[in-house]
PDB file of N, CA and C in Angstrom:
ATOM      1  N   MET A   1      14.911   2.670  -8.178  1.00  0.00           N
ATOM      2  CA  MET A   1      14.531   1.212  -7.601  1.00  0.00           C
ATOM      3  C   MET A   1      15.798   0.578  -7.692  1.00  0.00           C
ATOM      4  N   ASN A   2      16.192  -0.260  -6.578  1.00  0.00           N
ATOM      5  CA  ASN A   2      17.256  -1.184  -6.693  1.00  0.00           C
ATOM      6  C   ASN A   2      16.684  -2.454  -6.967  1.00  0.00           C
ATOM      7  N   LYS A   3      17.604  -3.749  -7.319  1.00  0.00           N
ATOM      8  CA  LYS A   3      16.935  -4.659  -7.561  1.00  0.00           C
ATOM      9  C   LYS A   3      16.022  -5.523  -6.598  1.00  0.00           C
ATOM     10  N   GLN A   4      16.240  -5.285  -5.354  1.00  0.00           N
ATOM     11  CA  GLN A   4      15.057  -5.835  -4.429  1.00  0.00           C
ATOM     12  C   GLN A   4      14.019  -5.046  -4.348  1.00  0.00           C
ATOM     13  N   ASP A   5      13.926  -3.902  -4.670  1.00  0.00           N
ATOM     14  CA  ASP A   5      12.845  -2.995  -4.831  1.00  0.00           C
ATOM     15  C   ASP A   5      11.949  -3.528  -6.008  1.00  0.00           C
ATOM     16  N   ARG A   6      12.495  -3.859  -7.015  1.00  0.00           N
ATOM     17  CA  ARG A   6      11.793  -4.343  -8.011  1.00  0.00           C
ATOM     18  C   ARG A   6      11.146  -5.604  -8.051  1.00  0.00           C
ATOM     19  N   ILE A   7      11.979  -6.221  -7.318  1.00  0.00           N
ATOM     20  CA  ILE A   7      11.403  -7.973  -6.876  1.00  0.00           C
ATOM     21  C   ILE A   7      10.080  -7.560  -6.022  1.00  0.00           C
ATOM     22  N   ASP A   8      10.340  -6.724  -4.862  1.00  0.00           N
ATOM     23  CA  ASP A   8       9.336  -6.593  -4.049  1.00  0.00           C
ATOM     24  C   ASP A   8       8.051  -5.941  -4.844  1.00  0.00           C
ATOM     25  N   PHE A   9       8.079  -5.095  -5.822  1.00  0.00           N
ATOM     26  CA  PHE A   9       6.996  -4.589  -6.560  1.00  0.00           C
ATOM     27  C   PHE A   9       6.392  -5.619  -7.418  1.00  0.00           C
ATOM     28  N   ALA A  10       7.193  -6.337  -7.987  1.00  0.00           N
ATOM     29  CA  ALA A  10       6.754  -7.623  -8.957  1.00  0.00           C
ATOM     30  C   ALA A  10       5.940  -8.408  -8.017  1.00  0.00           C
ATOM     31  N   GLU A  11       6.346  -8.821  -6.825  1.00  0.00           N
ATOM     32  CA  GLU A  11       5.478  -9.738  -5.758  1.00  0.00           C
ATOM     33  C   GLU A  11       4.412  -9.026  -5.685  1.00  0.00           C
ATOM     34  N   PHE A  12       4.238  -7.821  -5.185  1.00  0.00           N
ATOM     35  CA  PHE A  12       3.030  -7.079  -4.737  1.00  0.00           C
ATOM     36  C   PHE A  12       2.057  -7.051  -5.927  1.00  0.00           C
ATOM     37  N   ALA A  13       2.532  -7.055  -7.309  1.00  0.00           N
ATOM     38  CA  ALA A  13       1.559  -6.856  -8.468  1.00  0.00           C
ATOM     39  C   ALA A  13       1.053  -8.274  -8.641  1.00  0.00           C
ATOM     40  N   ALA A  14       1.775  -9.495  -8.261  1.00  0.00           N
ATOM     41  CA  ALA A  14       1.167 -10.682  -8.468  1.00  0.00           C
ATOM     42  C   ALA A  14       0.105 -10.944  -7.406  1.00  0.00           C
ATOM     43  N   VAL A  15       0.416 -10.516  -6.232  1.00  0.00           N
ATOM     44  CA  VAL A  15      -0.599 -10.696  -5.150  1.00  0.00           C
ATOM     45  C   VAL A  15      -1.914 -10.045  -5.602  1.00  0.00           C
ATOM     46  N   LEU A  16      -1.691  -8.688  -6.070  1.00  0.00           N
ATOM     47  CA  LEU A  16      -3.069  -8.012  -6.525  1.00  0.00           C
ATOM     48  C   LEU A  16      -3.572  -8.836  -7.707  1.00  0.00           C
ATOM     49  N   THR A  17      -3.027  -9.425  -8.533  1.00  0.00           N
ATOM     50  CA  THR A  17      -3.536 -10.352  -9.704  1.00  0.00           C
ATOM     51  C   THR A  17      -4.414 -11.450  -8.925  1.00  0.00           C
ATOM     52  N   LYS A  18      -3.739 -12.099  -7.903  1.00  0.00           N
ATOM     53  CA  LYS A  18      -4.602 -13.173  -7.426  1.00  0.00           C
ATOM     54  C   LYS A  18      -5.719 -12.584  -6.515  1.00  0.00           C
ATOM     55  N   GLU A  19      -5.675 -11.220  -5.848  1.00  0.00           N
ATOM     56  CA  GLU A  19      -6.639 -10.692  -5.211  1.00  0.00           C
ATOM     57  C   GLU A  19      -7.745 -10.345  -6.139  1.00  0.00           C
ATOM     58  N   LEU A  20      -7.350  -9.720  -7.301  1.00  0.00           N
ATOM     59  CA  LEU A  20      -8.466  -9.261  -8.239  1.00  0.00           C
ATOM     60  C   LEU A  20      -8.228  -9.896  -9.605  1.00  0.00           C
ATOM     61  N   PRO A  21      -8.992 -11.346  -9.623  1.00  0.00           N
ATOM     62  CA  PRO A  21      -8.471 -12.112 -10.887  1.00  0.00           C
ATOM     63  C   PRO A  21      -9.266 -11.720 -12.013  1.00  0.00           C
ATOM     64  N   ASN A  22     -10.439 -10.821 -11.946  1.00  0.00           N
ATOM     65  CA  ASN A  22     -11.096 -10.553 -13.124  1.00  0.00           C
ATOM     66  C   ASN A  22     -10.444  -9.283 -13.659  1.00  0.00           C
ATOM     67  N   GLU A  23      -9.789  -8.459 -12.973  1.00  0.00           N
ATOM     68  CA  GLU A  23      -9.030  -7.077 -13.391  1.00  0.00           C
ATOM     69  C   GLU A  23      -7.873  -7.489 -14.666  1.00  0.00           C
ATOM     70  N   ILE A  24      -8.046  -6.424 -15.491  1.00  0.00           N
ATOM     71  CA  ILE A  24      -7.189  -6.468 -16.701  1.00  0.00           C
ATOM     72  C   ILE A  24      -5.494  -6.166 -16.127  1.00  0.00           C
ATOM     73  N   PRO A  25      -4.721  -6.987 -16.578  1.00  0.00           N
ATOM     74  CA  PRO A  25      -3.443  -6.907 -16.152  1.00  0.00           C
ATOM     75  C   PRO A  25      -2.634  -5.448 -16.199  1.00  0.00           C
ATOM     76  N   PHE A  26      -3.034  -4.774 -17.225  1.00  0.00           N
ATOM     77  CA  PHE A  26      -2.732  -3.217 -17.468  1.00  0.00           C
ATOM     78  C   PHE A  26      -3.026  -2.609 -16.044  1.00  0.00           C
ATOM     79  N   HIS A  27      -4.276  -2.650 -15.644  1.00  0.00           N
ATOM     80  CA  HIS A  27      -4.976  -1.985 -14.588  1.00  0.00           C
ATOM     81  C   HIS A  27      -4.370  -2.456 -13.314  1.00  0.00           C
ATOM     82  N   ILE A  28      -3.962  -3.631 -13.132  1.00  0.00           N
ATOM     83  CA  ILE A  28      -3.007  -4.161 -11.872  1.00  0.00           C
ATOM     84  C   ILE A  28      -1.756  -3.314 -11.854  1.00  0.00           C
ATOM     85  N   GLY A  29      -1.143  -3.119 -12.962  1.00  0.00           N
ATOM     86  CA  GLY A  29       0.130  -2.340 -12.903  1.00  0.00           C
ATOM     87  C   GLY A  29      -0.040  -0.934 -12.448  1.00  0.00           C
ATOM     88  N   VAL A  30      -1.070  -0.537 -13.042  1.00  0.00           N
ATOM     89  CA  VAL A  30      -1.481   0.861 -12.527  1.00  0.00           C
ATOM     90  C   VAL A  30      -1.957   0.976 -11.231  1.00  0.00           C
ATOM     91  N   MET A  31      -2.724   0.041 -10.667  1.00  0.00           N
ATOM     92  CA  MET A  31      -2.927   0.106  -8.963  1.00  0.00           C
ATOM     93  C   MET A  31      -1.773  -0.172  -8.211  1.00  0.00           C
ATOM     94  N   ALA A  32      -0.859  -1.030  -8.677  1.00  0.00           N
ATOM     95  CA  ALA A  32       0.351  -1.265  -7.838  1.00  0.00           C
ATOM     96  C   ALA A  32       1.235  -0.036  -7.836  1.00  0.00           C
ATOM     97  N   SER A  33       1.209   0.429  -8.853  1.00  0.00           N
ATOM     98  CA  SER A  33       2.071   1.767  -9.008  1.00  0.00           C
ATOM     99  C   SER A  33       1.497   2.794  -8.276  1.00  0.00           C
ATOM    100  N   THR A  34       0.342   3.035  -8.206  1.00  0.00           N
ATOM    101  CA  THR A  34      -0.429   4.120  -7.684  1.00  0.00           C
ATOM    102  C   THR A  34      -0.452   3.797  -6.327  1.00  0.00           C
ATOM    103  N   LEU A  35      -0.623   2.645  -5.847  1.00  0.00           N
ATOM    104  CA  LEU A  35      -0.716   2.267  -4.227  1.00  0.00           C
ATOM    105  C   LEU A  35       0.808   2.531  -3.812  1.00  0.00           C
ATOM    106  N   ARG A  36       1.783   2.187  -4.621  1.00  0.00           N
ATOM    107  CA  ARG A  36       3.298   2.457  -4.007  1.00  0.00           C
ATOM    108  C   ARG A  36       3.459   4.071  -3.905  1.00  0.00           C
ATOM    109  N   LYS A  37       2.886   4.867  -4.905  1.00  0.00           N
ATOM    110  CA  LYS A  37       3.023   6.282  -4.475  1.00  0.00           C
ATOM    111  C   LYS A  37       2.298   6.740  -3.289  1.00  0.00           C
ATOM    112  N   HIS A  38       1.040   6.179  -3.059  1.00  0.00           N
ATOM    113  CA  HIS A  38       0.451   6.360  -1.900  1.00  0.00           C
ATOM    114  C   HIS A  38       1.049   6.141  -0.600  1.00  0.00           C
ATOM    115  N   ALA A  39       1.780   4.870  -0.650  1.00  0.00           N
ATOM    116  CA  ALA A  39       2.452   4.425   0.492  1.00  0.00           C
ATOM    117  C   ALA A  39       3.677   5.190   0.686  1.00  0.00           C
ATOM    118  N   ILE A  40       4.327   5.626  -0.304  1.00  0.00           N
ATOM    119  CA  ILE A  40       5.537   6.596  -0.147  1.00  0.00           C
ATOM    120  C   ILE A  40       5.140   7.914   0.367  1.00  0.00           C
ATOM    121  N   ALA A  41       3.944   8.578  -0.117  1.00  0.00           N
ATOM    122  CA  ALA A  41       3.402   9.883   0.304  1.00  0.00           C
ATOM    123  C   ALA A  41       2.962   9.731   1.930  1.00  0.00           C
ATOM    124  N   ILE A  42       2.274   8.642   2.138  1.00  0.00           N
ATOM    125  CA  ILE A  42       2.134   8.394   3.689  1.00  0.00           C
ATOM    126  C   ILE A  42       3.146   8.498   4.436  1.00  0.00           C
ATOM    127  N   HIS A  43       4.245   7.532   3.994  1.00  0.00           N
ATOM    128  CA  HIS A  43       5.470   7.604   4.904  1.00  0.00           C
ATOM    129  C   HIS A  43       6.260   8.689   4.965  1.00  0.00           C
ATOM    130  N   ARG A  44       6.286   9.583   4.001  1.00  0.00           N
ATOM    131  CA  ARG A  44       6.995  10.950   3.961  1.00  0.00           C
ATOM    132  C   ARG A  44       6.014  11.959   5.103  1.00  0.00           C
ATOM    133  N   ALA A  45       4.683  11.870   4.911  1.00  0.00           N
ATOM    134  CA  ALA A  45       3.823  12.766   5.761  1.00  0.00           C
ATOM    135  C   ALA A  45       4.132  12.242   7.392  1.00  0.00           C
ATOM    136  N   GLN A  46       4.203  10.913   7.544  1.00  0.00           N
ATOM    137  CA  GLN A  46       4.401  10.398   8.919  1.00  0.00           C
ATOM    138  C   GLN A  46       5.805  10.897   9.411  1.00  0.00           C
ATOM    139  N   GLU A  47       6.724  10.821   8.651  1.00  0.00           N
ATOM    140  CA  GLU A  47       8.092  11.403   9.012  1.00  0.00           C
ATOM    141  C   GLU A  47       8.013  13.116   9.353  1.00  0.00           C
ATOM    142  N   HIS A  48       7.086  13.664   8.540  1.00  0.00           N
ATOM    143  CA  HIS A  48       7.038  15.263   8.698  1.00  0.00           C
ATOM    144  C   HIS A  48       6.369  15.322   9.951  1.00  0.00           C
ATOM    145  N   ASP A  49       5.144  14.555  10.352  1.00  0.00           N
ATOM    146  CA  ASP A  49       4.463  14.619  11.344  1.00  0.00           C
ATOM    147  C   ASP A  49       5.373  14.317  12.746  1.00  0.00           C
ATOM    148  N   CYS A  50       6.258  13.497  12.525  1.00  0.00           N
ATOM    149  CA  CYS A  50       6.958  13.056  13.598  1.00  0.00           C
ATOM    150  C   CYS A  50       8.051  14.078  13.985  1.00  0.00           C
ATOM    151  N   ILE A  51       8.553  14.748  12.970  1.00  0.00           N
ATOM    152  CA  ILE A  51       9.676  15.908  13.074  1.00  0.00           C
ATOM    153  C   ILE A  51       8.802  17.055  13.720  1.00  0.00           C
ATOM    154  N   THR A  52       7.985  17.642  13.036  1.00  0.00           N
ATOM    155  CA  THR A  52       7.121  18.875  13.190  1.00  0.00           C
ATOM    156  C   THR A  52       6.005  18.906  13.974  1.00  0.00           C
ATOM    157  N   GLY A  53       5.402  17.862  14.168  1.00  0.00           N
ATOM    158  CA  GLY A  53       4.096  17.669  15.020  1.00  0.00           C
ATOM    159  C   GLY A  53       2.781  18.186  14.108  1.00  0.00           C
ATOM    160  N   GLU A  54       3.122  18.368  12.743  1.00  0.00           N
ATOM    161  CA  GLU A  54       2.217  19.041  11.874  1.00  0.00           C
ATOM    162  C   GLU A  54       1.314  17.889  11.418  1.00  0.00           C
ATOM    163  N   ASP A  55       0.117  17.583  11.398  1.00  0.00           N
ATOM    164  CA  ASP A  55      -0.459  16.407  10.983  1.00  0.00           C
ATOM    165  C   ASP A  55      -1.343  16.520   9.796  1.00  0.00           C
ATOM    166  N   LYS A  56      -1.612  17.804   9.187  1.00  0.00           N
ATOM    167  CA  LYS A  56      -2.427  17.982   8.164  1.00  0.00           C
ATOM    168  C   LYS A  56      -2.069  17.061   6.852  1.00  0.00           C
ATOM    169  N   PRO A  57      -0.631  17.070   6.568  1.00  0.00           N
ATOM    170  CA  PRO A  57      -0.365  16.356   5.323  1.00  0.00           C
ATOM    171  C   PRO A  57      -0.552  14.903   5.535  1.00  0.00           C
ATOM    172  N   LEU A  58      -0.338  14.434   6.690  1.00  0.00           N
ATOM    173  CA  LEU A  58      -0.664  13.072   7.103  1.00  0.00           C
ATOM    174  C   LEU A  58      -2.242  12.662   6.967  1.00  0.00           C
ATOM    175  N   GLU A  59      -2.930  13.487   7.417  1.00  0.00           N
ATOM    176  CA  GLU A  59      -4.305  13.340   7.298  1.00  0.00           C
ATOM    177  C   GLU A  59      -4.736  13.448   5.811  1.00  0.00           C
ATOM    178  N   ARG A  60      -4.359  14.214   4.963  1.00  0.00           N
ATOM    179  CA  ARG A  60      -4.495  14.268   3.651  1.00  0.00           C
ATOM    180  C   ARG A  60      -4.059  13.054   2.844  1.00  0.00           C
ATOM    181  N   ALA A  61      -2.778  12.528   3.151  1.00  0.00           N
ATOM    182  CA  ALA A  61      -2.288  11.558   2.417  1.00  0.00           C
ATOM    183  C   ALA A  61      -3.033  10.205   2.719  1.00  0.00           C
ATOM    184  N   LEU A  62      -3.495  10.053   4.189  1.00  0.00           N
ATOM    185  CA  LEU A  62      -4.338   8.876   4.593  1.00  0.00           C
ATOM    186  C   LEU A  62      -5.855   8.945   3.929  1.00  0.00           C
ATOM    187  N   ARG A  63      -6.193  10.153   3.706  1.00  0.00           N
ATOM    188  CA  ARG A  63      -7.671  10.328   3.024  1.00  0.00           C
ATOM    189  C   ARG A  63      -7.582   9.819   1.683  1.00  0.00           C
ATOM    190  N   GLU A  64      -6.490  10.443   0.778  1.00  0.00           N
ATOM    191  CA  GLU A  64      -6.482   9.980  -0.453  1.00  0.00           C
ATOM    192  C   GLU A  64      -6.084   8.812  -0.564  1.00  0.00           C
ATOM    193  N   ALA A  65      -5.118   8.228   0.207  1.00  0.00           N
ATOM    194  CA  ALA A  65      -4.870   6.645  -0.070  1.00  0.00           C
ATOM    195  C   ALA A  65      -6.097   5.701   0.267  1.00  0.00           C
ATOM    196  N   THR A  66      -6.953   5.948   1.191  1.00  0.00           N
ATOM    197  CA  THR A  66      -8.255   5.180   1.583  1.00  0.00           C
ATOM    198  C   THR A  66      -9.248   5.397   0.401  1.00  0.00           C
ATOM    199  N   LYS A  67      -9.341   6.475  -0.043  1.00  0.00           N
ATOM    200  CA  LYS A  67     -10.206   6.708  -1.222  1.00  0.00           C
ATOM    201  C   LYS A  67      -9.901   5.834  -2.467  1.00  0.00           C
ATOM    202  N   TYR A  68      -8.512   5.848  -2.760  1.00  0.00           N
ATOM    203  CA  TYR A  68      -8.175   5.074  -3.898  1.00  0.00           C
ATOM    204  C   TYR A  68      -8.259   3.654  -3.570  1.00  0.00           C
ATOM    205  N   ILE A  69      -8.089   3.264  -2.485  1.00  0.00           N
ATOM    206  CA  ILE A  69      -7.986   1.744  -2.127  1.00  0.00           C
ATOM    207  C   ILE A  69      -9.583   1.472  -2.256  1.00  0.00           C
ATOM    208  N   GLN A  70     -10.467   2.175  -1.752  1.00  0.00           N
ATOM    209  CA  GLN A  70     -11.914   1.750  -1.922  1.00  0.00           C
ATOM    210  C   GLN A  70     -12.160   1.738  -3.438  1.00  0.00           C
ATOM    211  N   GLN A  71     -11.705   2.719  -4.294  1.00  0.00           N
ATOM    212  CA  GLN A  71     -11.991   2.778  -5.709  1.00  0.00           C
ATOM    213  C   GLN A  71     -11.609   1.479  -6.285  1.00  0.00           C
ATOM    214  N   CYS A  72     -10.531   0.866  -5.842  1.00  0.00           N
ATOM    215  CA  CYS A  72      -9.945  -0.290  -6.642  1.00  0.00           C
ATOM    216  C   CYS A  72     -10.950  -1.599  -5.864  1.00  0.00           C
ATOM    217  N   GLY A  73     -11.761  -1.360  -5.109  1.00  0.00           N
ATOM    218  CA  GLY A  73     -12.440  -2.555  -4.367  1.00  0.00           C
ATOM    219  C   GLY A  73     -11.647  -3.550  -3.545  1.00  0.00           C
ATOM    220  N   LEU A  74     -10.512  -2.702  -2.996  1.00  0.00           N
ATOM    221  CA  LEU A  74      -9.721  -3.426  -1.994  1.00  0.00           C
ATOM    222  C   LEU A  74     -10.128  -3.087  -0.638  1.00  0.00           C
ATOM    223  N   SER A  75      -9.567  -3.745   0.482  1.00  0.00           N
ATOM    224  CA  SER A  75      -9.677  -3.299   1.809  1.00  0.00           C
ATOM    225  C   SER A  75      -8.236  -3.293   2.299  1.00  0.00           C
ATOM    226  N   ALA A  76      -7.895  -2.433   3.324  1.00  0.00           N
ATOM    227  CA  ALA A  76      -6.680  -2.152   3.685  1.00  0.00           C
ATOM    228  C   ALA A  76      -6.622  -1.600   5.338  1.00  0.00           C
ATOM    229  N   ALA A  77      -5.219  -1.713   5.779  1.00  0.00           N
ATOM    230  CA  ALA A  77      -5.012  -0.976   6.879  1.00  0.00           C
ATOM    231  C   ALA A  77      -4.122   0.031   6.527  1.00  0.00           C
ATOM    232  N   VAL A  78      -4.181   1.342   6.765  1.00  0.00           N
ATOM    233  CA  VAL A  78      -3.456   2.469   6.468  1.00  0.00           C
ATOM    234  C   VAL A  78      -2.964   2.930   7.625  1.00  0.00           C
ATOM    235  N   GLY A  79      -1.790   3.555   7.418  1.00  0.00           N
ATOM    236  CA  GLY A  79      -1.210   4.488   8.405  1.00  0.00           C
ATOM    237  C   GLY A  79      -0.367   3.507   9.294  1.00  0.00           C
ATOM    238  N   GLY A  80      -0.766   3.898  10.798  1.00  0.00           N
ATOM    239  CA  GLY A  80       0.055   3.142  11.733  1.00  0.00           C
ATOM    240  C   GLY A  80       1.554   3.636  12.057  1.00  0.00           C
ATOM    241  N   ASP A  81       2.475   2.827  12.589  1.00  0.00           N
ATOM    242  CA  ASP A  81       3.785   3.336  12.916  1.00  0.00           C
ATOM    243  C   ASP A  81       4.701   3.767  11.746  1.00  0.00           C
ATOM    244  N   VAL A  82       5.443   4.904  11.803  1.00  0.00           N
ATOM    245  CA  VAL A  82       6.304   5.438  10.648  1.00  0.00           C
ATOM    246  C   VAL A  82       7.229   4.337  10.524  1.00  0.00           C
ATOM    247  N   ARG A  83       7.701   3.450  11.407  1.00  0.00           N
ATOM    248  CA  ARG A  83       8.562   2.519  11.224  1.00  0.00           C
ATOM    249  C   ARG A  83       8.106   1.238  10.473  1.00  0.00           C
ATOM    250  N   GLY A  84       7.042   1.138  10.427  1.00  0.00           N
ATOM    251  CA  GLY A  84       6.168  -0.011   9.705  1.00  0.00           C
ATOM    252  C   GLY A  84       5.725   0.175   8.363  1.00  0.00           C
ATOM    253  N   PRO A  85       4.866  -0.674   7.873  1.00  0.00           N
ATOM    254  CA  PRO A  85       4.426  -0.362   6.512  1.00  0.00           C
ATOM    255  C   PRO A  85       3.304   0.763   6.558  1.00  0.00           C
ATOM    256  N   SER A  86       3.363   1.504   5.381  1.00  0.00           N
ATOM    257  CA  SER A  86       2.203   2.538   5.190  1.00  0.00           C
ATOM    258  C   SER A  86       1.186   2.135   5.077  1.00  0.00           C
ATOM    259  N   ILE A  87       0.800   1.167   4.129  1.00  0.00           N
ATOM    260  CA  ILE A  87      -0.506   0.401   3.762  1.00  0.00           C
ATOM    261  C   ILE A  87      -0.293  -1.196   3.647  1.00  0.00           C
ATOM    262  N   ILE A  88      -1.173  -1.764   4.401  1.00  0.00           N
ATOM    263  CA  ILE A  88      -1.289  -3.357   4.203  1.00  0.00           C
ATOM    264  C   ILE A  88      -2.427  -3.609   3.520  1.00  0.00           C
ATOM    265  N   ILE A  89      -2.450  -4.204   2.474  1.00  0.00           N
ATOM    266  CA  ILE A  89      -3.601  -4.582   1.550  1.00  0.00           C
ATOM    267  C   ILE A  89      -4.104  -6.056   2.189  1.00  0.00           C
ATOM    268  N   HIS A  90      -5.285  -6.098   2.725  1.00  0.00           N
ATOM    269  CA  HIS A  90      -5.930  -7.402   3.256  1.00  0.00           C
ATOM    270  C   HIS A  90      -6.088  -8.270   1.867  1.00  0.00           C
ATOM    271  N   THR A  91      -5.863  -9.412   2.092  1.00  0.00           N
ATOM    272  CA  THR A  91      -5.767 -10.523   1.007  1.00  0.00           C
ATOM    273  C   THR A  91      -6.641 -11.699   1.242  1.00  0.00           C
ATOM    274  N   PRO A  92      -8.088 -11.735   1.554  1.00  0.00           N
ATOM    275  CA  PRO A  92      -8.933 -12.556   2.020  1.00  0.00           C
ATOM    276  C   PRO A  92      -8.908 -13.777   1.018  1.00  0.00           C
ATOM    277  N   ARG A  93      -8.821 -13.315  -0.432  1.00  0.00           N
ATOM    278  CA  ARG A  93      -8.965 -14.297  -1.385  1.00  0.00           C
ATOM    279  C   ARG A  93      -7.750 -15.246  -1.533  1.00  0.00           C
ATOM    280  N   SER A  94      -6.528 -14.852  -1.578  1.00  0.00           N
ATOM    281  CA  SER A  94      -5.459 -15.566  -1.723  1.00  0.00           C
ATOM    282  C   SER A  94      -4.975 -16.093  -0.378  1.00  0.00           C
ATOM    283  N   GLY A  95      -5.202 -15.297   0.678  1.00  0.00           N
ATOM    284  CA  GLY A  95      -4.694 -15.657   1.864  1.00  0.00           C
ATOM    285  C   GLY A  95      -3.114 -15.442   2.152  1.00  0.00           C
ATOM    286  N   LEU A  96      -2.373 -14.713   0.929  1.00  0.00           N
ATOM    287  CA  LEU A  96      -1.040 -14.556   1.173  1.00  0.00           C
ATOM    288  C   LEU A  96      -0.874 -13.351   2.181  1.00  0.00           C
ATOM    289  N   TYR A  97       0.260 -13.342   2.525  1.00  0.00           N
ATOM    290  CA  TYR A  97       0.636 -12.203   3.661  1.00  0.00           C
ATOM    291  C   TYR A  97       2.282 -12.033   3.835  1.00  0.00           C
ATOM    292  N   ASN A  98       2.685 -11.069   4.066  1.00  0.00           N
ATOM    293  CA  ASN A  98       3.919 -10.849   4.326  1.00  0.00           C
ATOM    294  C   ASN A  98       4.134  -9.853   5.525  1.00  0.00           C
ATOM    295  N   ALA A  99       2.913  -9.458   6.217  1.00  0.00           N
ATOM    296  CA  ALA A  99       2.955  -8.588   7.306  1.00  0.00           C
ATOM    297  C   ALA A  99       2.833  -9.641   8.624  1.00  0.00           C
ATOM    298  N   TRP A 100       3.451  -9.051   9.661  1.00  0.00           N
ATOM    299  CA  TRP A 100       3.257  -9.631  10.841  1.00  0.00           C
ATOM    300  C   TRP A 100       1.951  -9.973  11.249  1.00  0.00           C
ATOM    301  N   GLY A 101       1.576 -11.258  11.744  1.00  0.00           N
ATOM    302  CA  GLY A 101       0.243 -11.667  12.228  1.00  0.00           C
ATOM    303  C   GLY A 101      -0.673 -12.019  10.939  1.00  0.00           C
ATOM    304  N   GLY A 102       0.004 -12.219   9.747  1.00  0.00           N
ATOM    305  CA  GLY A 102      -0.931 -12.604   8.681  1.00  0.00           C
ATOM    306  C   GLY A 102      -1.919 -11.511   8.273  1.00  0.00           C
ATOM    307  N   GLU A 103      -1.799 -10.377   8.619  1.00  0.00           N
ATOM    308  CA  GLU A 103      -2.718  -9.273   8.373  1.00  0.00           C
ATOM    309  C   GLU A 103      -2.935  -9.216   6.911  1.00  0.00           C
ATOM    310  N   GLY A 104      -2.064  -9.293   6.034  1.00  0.00           N
ATOM    311  CA  GLY A 104      -2.131  -9.195   4.685  1.00  0.00           C
ATOM    312  C   GLY A 104      -0.619  -8.801   4.026  1.00  0.00           C
ATOM    313  N   TRP A 105      -0.826  -7.974   2.949  1.00  0.00           N
ATOM    314  CA  TRP A 105       0.348  -7.792   2.124  1.00  0.00           C
ATOM    315  C   TRP A 105       0.915  -6.316   2.046  1.00  0.00           C
ATOM    316  N   CYS A 106       2.028  -6.101   2.621  1.00  0.00           N
ATOM    317  CA  CYS A 106       2.480  -4.694   2.501  1.00  0.00           C
ATOM    318  C   CYS A 106       2.838  -4.137   1.301  1.00  0.00           C
ATOM    319  N   VAL A 107       2.448  -2.868   0.983  1.00  0.00           N
ATOM    320  CA  VAL A 107       2.527  -2.242  -0.241  1.00  0.00           C
ATOM    321  C   VAL A 107       3.980  -1.681  -0.078  1.00  0.00           C
ATOM    322  N   PRO A 108       5.021  -2.129  -1.028  1.00  0.00           N
ATOM    323  CA  PRO A 108       6.309  -1.789  -1.077  1.00  0.00           C
ATOM    324  C   PRO A 108       6.571  -0.207  -0.990  1.00  0.00           C
ATOM    325  N   ARG A 109       7.680   0.333  -0.535  1.00  0.00           N
ATOM    326  CA  ARG A 109       7.885   1.860  -0.766  1.00  0.00           C
ATOM    327  C   ARG A 109       9.025   1.889  -1.519  1.00  0.00           C
TER     328      ARG A 109
END
């Protein structure tokens, strides 16, 4: 991770803290890290699908990410265009956003 990646990750963790105010800070860190891993996995699977046309890895990555997001008590838009964010966490409590159209907060890759 370069300096900007670390800043983006810290901002994302801060947004999660505002969205889940009753959550223990350690759990917020684990959630942020795990969501980042899911975003990276989805992006790699999207690239693989784009190159090979094989969508099984993408379906698996999307299913696992969606399951984890629901376990965290969050809602999100998952998938989409390979050039855009892999996961956008909806932020109804805080109203913060960095995605186009105010949809929510993009999970950094």
